[in-house]
Amino acid sequence: MATPTQTPTTAPEEPDPFYYDYDTVQTVGMTLATILFLLGILIIVSKKVKCRKADSRSESPTCKSCKSELPSSAPGGGGV
């Protein structure tokens, strides 16, 4: 506090480097989380669809694992 005989010294106002607009941070975080979540779901679904549409004679490792799970994709038609 300045006394009446002293002139108050004013430092130039610098923006605080540790000030965050929390609404913007929250919005950006939720947007990125949503995009990554949907991308993960899309990757999982696309692998399952790709495996089901694959030719039964294909020797790719992903379709071998699907053949054991899906009896209809076994050679000769399989089925229950």
PDB file of N, CA and C in Angstrom:
ATOM      1  N   MET A   1       0.842  -1.164   0.000  1.00  0.00           N
ATOM      2  CA  MET A   1       0.000   0.000   0.000  1.00  0.00           C
ATOM      3  C   MET A   1       0.895   1.237   0.000  1.00  0.00           C
ATOM      4  N   ALA A   2       0.567   2.192  -0.817  1.00  0.00           N
ATOM      5  CA  ALA A   2       1.388   3.400  -0.933  1.00  0.00           C
ATOM      6  C   ALA A   2       0.858   4.476   0.022  1.00  0.00           C
ATOM      7  N   THR A   3       1.795   5.195   0.620  1.00  0.00           N
ATOM      8  CA  THR A   3       1.407   6.323   1.477  1.00  0.00           C
ATOM      9  C   THR A   3       1.112   7.510   0.574  1.00  0.00           C
ATOM     10  N   PRO A   4       0.439   8.536   1.066  1.00  0.00           N
ATOM     11  CA  PRO A   4       0.085   9.682   0.214  1.00  0.00           C
ATOM     12  C   PRO A   4       1.293  10.372  -0.416  1.00  0.00           C
ATOM     13  N   THR A   5       2.479  10.246   0.179  1.00  0.00           N
ATOM     14  CA  THR A   5       3.646  10.930  -0.380  1.00  0.00           C
ATOM     15  C   THR A   5       4.349  10.075  -1.435  1.00  0.00           C
ATOM     16  N   GLN A   6       4.016   8.790  -1.512  1.00  0.00           N
ATOM     17  CA  GLN A   6       4.658   7.922  -2.504  1.00  0.00           C
ATOM     18  C   GLN A   6       3.725   7.738  -3.703  1.00  0.00           C
ATOM     19  N   THR A   7       4.336   7.690  -4.845  1.00  0.00           N
ATOM     20  CA  THR A   7       3.536   7.389  -6.034  1.00  0.00           C
ATOM     21  C   THR A   7       3.542   5.873  -6.235  1.00  0.00           C
ATOM     22  N   PRO A   8       2.392   5.308  -6.456  1.00  0.00           N
ATOM     23  CA  PRO A   8       2.360   3.861  -6.647  1.00  0.00           C
ATOM     24  C   PRO A   8       3.073   3.463  -7.943  1.00  0.00           C
ATOM     25  N   THR A   9       3.855   2.431  -7.847  1.00  0.00           N
ATOM     26  CA  THR A   9       4.557   1.956  -9.041  1.00  0.00           C
ATOM     27  C   THR A   9       3.663   0.919  -9.720  1.00  0.00           C
ATOM     28  N   THR A  10       3.518   1.070 -10.981  1.00  0.00           N
ATOM     29  CA  THR A  10       2.692   0.118 -11.729  1.00  0.00           C
ATOM     30  C   THR A  10       3.589  -0.620 -12.711  1.00  0.00           C
ATOM     31  N   ALA A  11       3.575  -1.912 -12.595  1.00  0.00           N
ATOM     32  CA  ALA A  11       4.333  -2.744 -13.527  1.00  0.00           C
ATOM     33  C   ALA A  11       3.465  -2.985 -14.757  1.00  0.00           C
ATOM     34  N   PRO A  12       4.081  -3.129 -15.889  1.00  0.00           N
ATOM     35  CA  PRO A  12       3.276  -3.406 -17.083  1.00  0.00           C
ATOM     36  C   PRO A  12       2.549  -4.748 -16.915  1.00  0.00           C
ATOM     37  N   GLU A  13       1.292  -4.764 -17.297  1.00  0.00           N
ATOM     38  CA  GLU A  13       0.471  -5.967 -17.143  1.00  0.00           C
ATOM     39  C   GLU A  13       0.860  -7.002 -18.193  1.00  0.00           C
ATOM     40  N   GLU A  14       1.338  -8.134 -17.710  1.00  0.00           N
ATOM     41  CA  GLU A  14       1.663  -9.242 -18.602  1.00  0.00           C
ATOM     42  C   GLU A  14       0.620 -10.325 -18.393  1.00  0.00           C
ATOM     43  N   PRO A  15       0.222 -10.967 -19.457  1.00  0.00           N
ATOM     44  CA  PRO A  15      -0.761 -12.043 -19.265  1.00  0.00           C
ATOM     45  C   PRO A  15      -0.138 -13.200 -18.487  1.00  0.00           C
ATOM     46  N   ASP A  16      -0.926 -13.788 -17.620  1.00  0.00           N
ATOM     47  CA  ASP A  16      -0.466 -14.909 -16.810  1.00  0.00           C
ATOM     48  C   ASP A  16      -0.305 -16.140 -17.709  1.00  0.00           C
ATOM     49  N   PRO A  17       0.917 -16.700 -17.785  1.00  0.00           N
ATOM     50  CA  PRO A  17       1.113 -17.850 -18.679  1.00  0.00           C
ATOM     51  C   PRO A  17       0.419 -19.111 -18.173  1.00  0.00           C
ATOM     52  N   PHE A  18      -0.054 -19.125 -16.941  1.00  0.00           N
ATOM     53  CA  PHE A  18      -0.706 -20.301 -16.377  1.00  0.00           C
ATOM     54  C   PHE A  18      -2.213 -20.126 -16.251  1.00  0.00           C
ATOM     55  N   TYR A  19      -2.760 -19.219 -17.011  1.00  0.00           N
ATOM     56  CA  TYR A  19      -4.204 -19.032 -17.015  1.00  0.00           C
ATOM     57  C   TYR A  19      -4.794 -19.858 -18.159  1.00  0.00           C
ATOM     58  N   TYR A  20      -5.777 -20.674 -17.844  1.00  0.00           N
ATOM     59  CA  TYR A  20      -6.405 -21.504 -18.855  1.00  0.00           C
ATOM     60  C   TYR A  20      -7.897 -21.203 -18.903  1.00  0.00           C
ATOM     61  N   ASP A  21      -8.422 -21.189 -20.085  1.00  0.00           N
ATOM     62  CA  ASP A  21      -9.859 -21.079 -20.266  1.00  0.00           C
ATOM     63  C   ASP A  21     -10.398 -22.502 -20.162  1.00  0.00           C
ATOM     64  N   TYR A  22     -10.879 -22.875 -18.999  1.00  0.00           N
ATOM     65  CA  TYR A  22     -11.243 -24.263 -18.728  1.00  0.00           C
ATOM     66  C   TYR A  22     -12.413 -24.748 -19.571  1.00  0.00           C
ATOM     67  N   ASP A  23     -13.297 -23.857 -19.975  1.00  0.00           N
ATOM     68  CA  ASP A  23     -14.397 -24.272 -20.848  1.00  0.00           C
ATOM     69  C   ASP A  23     -13.862 -24.743 -22.197  1.00  0.00           C
ATOM     70  N   THR A  24     -12.895 -24.018 -22.738  1.00  0.00           N
ATOM     71  CA  THR A  24     -12.308 -24.402 -24.022  1.00  0.00           C
ATOM     72  C   THR A  24     -11.506 -25.692 -23.883  1.00  0.00           C
ATOM     73  N   VAL A  25     -10.742 -25.818 -22.804  1.00  0.00           N
ATOM     74  CA  VAL A  25      -9.957 -27.029 -22.573  1.00  0.00           C
ATOM     75  C   VAL A  25     -10.885 -28.237 -22.464  1.00  0.00           C
ATOM     76  N   GLN A  26     -11.985 -28.090 -21.747  1.00  0.00           N
ATOM     77  CA  GLN A  26     -12.937 -29.183 -21.588  1.00  0.00           C
ATOM     78  C   GLN A  26     -13.593 -29.541 -22.921  1.00  0.00           C
ATOM     79  N   THR A  27     -13.971 -28.538 -23.699  1.00  0.00           N
ATOM     80  CA  THR A  27     -14.616 -28.780 -24.987  1.00  0.00           C
ATOM     81  C   THR A  27     -13.673 -29.491 -25.947  1.00  0.00           C
ATOM     82  N   VAL A  28     -12.439 -29.032 -26.022  1.00  0.00           N
ATOM     83  CA  VAL A  28     -11.464 -29.652 -26.919  1.00  0.00           C
ATOM     84  C   VAL A  28     -11.168 -31.084 -26.461  1.00  0.00           C
ATOM     85  N   GLY A  29     -11.027 -31.292 -25.173  1.00  0.00           N
ATOM     86  CA  GLY A  29     -10.757 -32.627 -24.650  1.00  0.00           C
ATOM     87  C   GLY A  29     -11.885 -33.598 -24.950  1.00  0.00           C
ATOM     88  N   MET A  30     -13.116 -33.183 -24.744  1.00  0.00           N
ATOM     89  CA  MET A  30     -14.252 -34.060 -25.023  1.00  0.00           C
ATOM     90  C   MET A  30     -14.390 -34.333 -26.516  1.00  0.00           C
ATOM     91  N   THR A  31     -14.092 -33.346 -27.346  1.00  0.00           N
ATOM     92  CA  THR A  31     -14.155 -33.538 -28.792  1.00  0.00           C
ATOM     93  C   THR A  31     -13.112 -34.553 -29.243  1.00  0.00           C
ATOM     94  N   LEU A  32     -11.893 -34.414 -28.755  1.00  0.00           N
ATOM     95  CA  LEU A  32     -10.841 -35.370 -29.120  1.00  0.00           C
ATOM     96  C   LEU A  32     -11.159 -36.769 -28.603  1.00  0.00           C
ATOM     97  N   ALA A  33     -11.672 -36.860 -27.388  1.00  0.00           N
ATOM     98  CA  ALA A  33     -12.031 -38.169 -26.834  1.00  0.00           C
ATOM     99  C   ALA A  33     -13.129 -38.830 -27.664  1.00  0.00           C
ATOM    100  N   THR A  34     -14.100 -38.067 -28.099  1.00  0.00           N
ATOM    101  CA  THR A  34     -15.181 -38.600 -28.918  1.00  0.00           C
ATOM    102  C   THR A  34     -14.669 -39.088 -30.263  1.00  0.00           C
ATOM    103  N   ILE A  35     -13.809 -38.297 -30.891  1.00  0.00           N
ATOM    104  CA  ILE A  35     -13.243 -38.677 -32.192  1.00  0.00           C
ATOM    105  C   ILE A  35     -12.429 -39.959 -32.059  1.00  0.00           C
ATOM    106  N   LEU A  36     -11.582 -40.052 -31.037  1.00  0.00           N
ATOM    107  CA  LEU A  36     -10.763 -41.248 -30.861  1.00  0.00           C
ATOM    108  C   LEU A  36     -11.618 -42.472 -30.525  1.00  0.00           C
ATOM    109  N   PHE A  37     -12.663 -42.283 -29.735  1.00  0.00           N
ATOM    110  CA  PHE A  37     -13.563 -43.384 -29.393  1.00  0.00           C
ATOM    111  C   PHE A  37     -14.253 -43.914 -30.646  1.00  0.00           C
ATOM    112  N   LEU A  38     -14.792 -43.018 -31.458  1.00  0.00           N
ATOM    113  CA  LEU A  38     -15.483 -43.439 -32.675  1.00  0.00           C
ATOM    114  C   LEU A  38     -14.514 -44.070 -33.670  1.00  0.00           C
ATOM    115  N   LEU A  39     -13.295 -43.564 -33.733  1.00  0.00           N
ATOM    116  CA  LEU A  39     -12.288 -44.148 -34.613  1.00  0.00           C
ATOM    117  C   LEU A  39     -11.954 -45.573 -34.173  1.00  0.00           C
ATOM    118  N   GLY A  40     -11.843 -45.796 -32.883  1.00  0.00           N
ATOM    119  CA  GLY A  40     -11.583 -47.143 -32.370  1.00  0.00           C
ATOM    120  C   GLY A  40     -12.711 -48.095 -32.685  1.00  0.00           C
ATOM    121  N   ILE A  41     -13.949 -47.655 -32.502  1.00  0.00           N
ATOM    122  CA  ILE A  41     -15.100 -48.487 -32.836  1.00  0.00           C
ATOM    123  C   ILE A  41     -15.107 -48.792 -34.331  1.00  0.00           C
ATOM    124  N   LEU A  42     -14.812 -47.801 -35.157  1.00  0.00           N
ATOM    125  CA  LEU A  42     -14.784 -47.996 -36.605  1.00  0.00           C
ATOM    126  C   LEU A  42     -13.726 -49.020 -37.009  1.00  0.00           C
ATOM    127  N   ILE A  43     -12.572 -48.975 -36.386  1.00  0.00           N
ATOM    128  CA  ILE A  43     -11.505 -49.933 -36.693  1.00  0.00           C
ATOM    129  C   ILE A  43     -11.931 -51.344 -36.293  1.00  0.00           C
ATOM    130  N   ILE A  44     -12.521 -51.485 -35.123  1.00  0.00           N
ATOM    131  CA  ILE A  44     -12.960 -52.805 -34.666  1.00  0.00           C
ATOM    132  C   ILE A  44     -14.027 -53.370 -35.594  1.00  0.00           C
ATOM    133  N   VAL A  45     -15.006 -52.555 -35.949  1.00  0.00           N
ATOM    134  CA  VAL A  45     -16.091 -53.018 -36.811  1.00  0.00           C
ATOM    135  C   VAL A  45     -15.573 -53.329 -38.208  1.00  0.00           C
ATOM    136  N   SER A  46     -14.666 -52.529 -38.723  1.00  0.00           N
ATOM    137  CA  SER A  46     -14.172 -52.762 -40.082  1.00  0.00           C
ATOM    138  C   SER A  46     -13.378 -54.058 -40.160  1.00  0.00           C
ATOM    139  N   LYS A  47     -12.657 -54.423 -39.096  1.00  0.00           N
ATOM    140  CA  LYS A  47     -11.923 -55.689 -39.111  1.00  0.00           C
ATOM    141  C   LYS A  47     -12.881 -56.870 -39.105  1.00  0.00           C
ATOM    142  N   LYS A  48     -13.974 -56.781 -38.354  1.00  0.00           N
ATOM    143  CA  LYS A  48     -14.933 -57.875 -38.321  1.00  0.00           C
ATOM    144  C   LYS A  48     -15.646 -58.013 -39.658  1.00  0.00           C
ATOM    145  N   VAL A  49     -16.024 -56.914 -40.265  1.00  0.00           N
ATOM    146  CA  VAL A  49     -16.721 -56.957 -41.549  1.00  0.00           C
ATOM    147  C   VAL A  49     -15.781 -57.463 -42.631  1.00  0.00           C
ATOM    148  N   LYS A  50     -14.543 -57.028 -42.609  1.00  0.00           N
ATOM    149  CA  LYS A  50     -13.564 -57.445 -43.609  1.00  0.00           C
ATOM    150  C   LYS A  50     -13.347 -58.956 -43.523  1.00  0.00           C
ATOM    151  N   CYS A  51     -13.312 -59.491 -42.324  1.00  0.00           N
ATOM    152  CA  CYS A  51     -13.079 -60.909 -42.134  1.00  0.00           C
ATOM    153  C   CYS A  51     -14.270 -61.706 -42.636  1.00  0.00           C
ATOM    154  N   ARG A  52     -15.467 -61.261 -42.415  1.00  0.00           N
ATOM    155  CA  ARG A  52     -16.655 -61.994 -42.852  1.00  0.00           C
ATOM    156  C   ARG A  52     -16.797 -61.980 -44.367  1.00  0.00           C
ATOM    157  N   LYS A  53     -16.367 -60.909 -45.012  1.00  0.00           N
ATOM    158  CA  LYS A  53     -16.487 -60.800 -46.457  1.00  0.00           C
ATOM    159  C   LYS A  53     -15.334 -61.488 -47.183  1.00  0.00           C
ATOM    160  N   ALA A  54     -14.295 -61.876 -46.459  1.00  0.00           N
ATOM    161  CA  ALA A  54     -13.115 -62.449 -47.095  1.00  0.00           C
ATOM    162  C   ALA A  54     -13.436 -63.812 -47.692  1.00  0.00           C
ATOM    163  N   ASP A  55     -12.682 -64.172 -48.707  1.00  0.00           N
ATOM    164  CA  ASP A  55     -12.847 -65.457 -49.363  1.00  0.00           C
ATOM    165  C   ASP A  55     -12.448 -66.566 -48.388  1.00  0.00           C
ATOM    166  N   SER A  56     -13.172 -67.665 -48.378  1.00  0.00           N
ATOM    167  CA  SER A  56     -12.887 -68.739 -47.430  1.00  0.00           C
ATOM    168  C   SER A  56     -11.562 -69.417 -47.735  1.00  0.00           C
ATOM    169  N   ARG A  57     -11.036 -69.269 -48.942  1.00  0.00           N
ATOM    170  CA  ARG A  57      -9.746 -69.871 -49.283  1.00  0.00           C
ATOM    171  C   ARG A  57      -8.579 -68.966 -48.902  1.00  0.00           C
ATOM    172  N   SER A  58      -8.879 -67.786 -48.399  1.00  0.00           N
ATOM    173  CA  SER A  58      -7.828 -66.841 -48.032  1.00  0.00           C
ATOM    174  C   SER A  58      -7.023 -67.390 -46.853  1.00  0.00           C
ATOM    175  N   GLU A  59      -5.740 -67.133 -46.865  1.00  0.00           N
ATOM    176  CA  GLU A  59      -4.865 -67.632 -45.803  1.00  0.00           C
ATOM    177  C   GLU A  59      -4.402 -66.523 -44.864  1.00  0.00           C
ATOM    178  N   SER A  60      -5.118 -65.410 -44.827  1.00  0.00           N
ATOM    179  CA  SER A  60      -4.695 -64.329 -43.940  1.00  0.00           C
ATOM    180  C   SER A  60      -4.954 -64.734 -42.490  1.00  0.00           C
ATOM    181  N   PRO A  61      -4.066 -64.332 -41.562  1.00  0.00           N
ATOM    182  CA  PRO A  61      -4.213 -64.752 -40.168  1.00  0.00           C
ATOM    183  C   PRO A  61      -5.511 -64.278 -39.521  1.00  0.00           C
ATOM    184  N   THR A  62      -6.032 -63.131 -39.933  1.00  0.00           N
ATOM    185  CA  THR A  62      -7.257 -62.644 -39.301  1.00  0.00           C
ATOM    186  C   THR A  62      -8.436 -63.516 -39.688  1.00  0.00           C
ATOM    187  N   CYS A  63      -8.440 -64.033 -40.898  1.00  0.00           N
ATOM    188  CA  CYS A  63      -9.562 -64.870 -41.312  1.00  0.00           C
ATOM    189  C   CYS A  63      -9.451 -66.272 -40.738  1.00  0.00           C
ATOM    190  N   LYS A  64      -8.242 -66.731 -40.430  1.00  0.00           N
ATOM    191  CA  LYS A  64      -8.112 -68.037 -39.784  1.00  0.00           C
ATOM    192  C   LYS A  64      -8.779 -67.996 -38.411  1.00  0.00           C
ATOM    193  N   SER A  65      -8.595 -66.898 -37.699  1.00  0.00           N
ATOM    194  CA  SER A  65      -9.218 -66.809 -36.378  1.00  0.00           C
ATOM    195  C   SER A  65     -10.725 -66.704 -36.517  1.00  0.00           C
ATOM    196  N   CYS A  66     -11.215 -66.075 -37.579  1.00  0.00           N
ATOM    197  CA  CYS A  66     -12.653 -65.972 -37.780  1.00  0.00           C
ATOM    198  C   CYS A  66     -13.239 -67.317 -38.182  1.00  0.00           C
ATOM    199  N   LYS A  67     -12.492 -68.127 -38.903  1.00  0.00           N
ATOM    200  CA  LYS A  67     -12.991 -69.431 -39.324  1.00  0.00           C
ATOM    201  C   LYS A  67     -13.299 -70.302 -38.114  1.00  0.00           C
ATOM    202  N   SER A  68     -12.492 -70.181 -37.071  1.00  0.00           N
ATOM    203  CA  SER A  68     -12.753 -70.992 -35.884  1.00  0.00           C
ATOM    204  C   SER A  68     -13.975 -70.484 -35.130  1.00  0.00           C
ATOM    205  N   GLU A  69     -14.290 -69.192 -35.262  1.00  0.00           N
ATOM    206  CA  GLU A  69     -15.437 -68.630 -34.564  1.00  0.00           C
ATOM    207  C   GLU A  69     -16.731 -68.772 -35.370  1.00  0.00           C
ATOM    208  N   LEU A  70     -16.629 -68.695 -36.697  1.00  0.00           N
ATOM    209  CA  LEU A  70     -17.805 -68.719 -37.537  1.00  0.00           C
ATOM    210  C   LEU A  70     -17.877 -70.043 -38.288  1.00  0.00           C
ATOM    211  N   PRO A  71     -18.763 -70.951 -37.918  1.00  0.00           N
ATOM    212  CA  PRO A  71     -18.809 -72.244 -38.579  1.00  0.00           C
ATOM    213  C   PRO A  71     -19.225 -72.152 -40.037  1.00  0.00           C
ATOM    214  N   SER A  72     -19.970 -71.114 -40.425  1.00  0.00           N
ATOM    215  CA  SER A  72     -20.430 -71.002 -41.809  1.00  0.00           C
ATOM    216  C   SER A  72     -19.307 -70.634 -42.757  1.00  0.00           C
ATOM    217  N   SER A  73     -18.156 -70.172 -42.251  1.00  0.00           N
ATOM    218  CA  SER A  73     -17.061 -69.788 -43.132  1.00  0.00           C
ATOM    219  C   SER A  73     -16.068 -70.925 -43.316  1.00  0.00           C
ATOM    220  N   ALA A  74     -16.358 -72.099 -42.778  1.00  0.00           N
ATOM    221  CA  ALA A  74     -15.470 -73.242 -42.942  1.00  0.00           C
ATOM    222  C   ALA A  74     -15.573 -73.738 -44.392  1.00  0.00           C
ATOM    223  N   PRO A  75     -14.512 -74.364 -44.910  1.00  0.00           N
ATOM    224  CA  PRO A  75     -14.571 -74.887 -46.264  1.00  0.00           C
ATOM    225  C   PRO A  75     -15.687 -75.933 -46.375  1.00  0.00           C
ATOM    226  N   GLY A  76     -16.415 -75.894 -47.475  1.00  0.00           N
ATOM    227  CA  GLY A  76     -17.495 -76.839 -47.685  1.00  0.00           C
ATOM    228  C   GLY A  76     -18.825 -76.347 -47.161  1.00  0.00           C
ATOM    229  N   GLY A  77     -18.894 -75.136 -46.691  1.00  0.00           N
ATOM    230  CA  GLY A  77     -20.169 -74.562 -46.259  1.00  0.00           C
ATOM    231  C   GLY A  77     -20.415 -74.687 -44.775  1.00  0.00           C
ATOM    232  N   GLY A  78     -19.931 -75.730 -44.123  1.00  0.00           N
ATOM    233  CA  GLY A  78     -20.083 -75.870 -42.662  1.00  0.00           C
ATOM    234  C   GLY A  78     -21.527 -75.738 -42.243  1.00  0.00           C
ATOM    235  N   GLY A  79     -21.749 -74.966 -41.238  1.00  0.00           N
ATOM    236  CA  GLY A  79     -23.119 -74.706 -40.796  1.00  0.00           C
ATOM    237  C   GLY A  79     -23.511 -75.609 -39.646  1.00  0.00           C
ATOM    238  N   VAL A  80     -24.599 -75.268 -39.030  1.00  0.00           N
ATOM    239  CA  VAL A  80     -25.057 -76.017 -37.866  1.00  0.00           C
ATOM    240  C   VAL A  80     -26.223 -76.898 -38.227  1.00  0.00           C
TER     241      VAL A  80
END
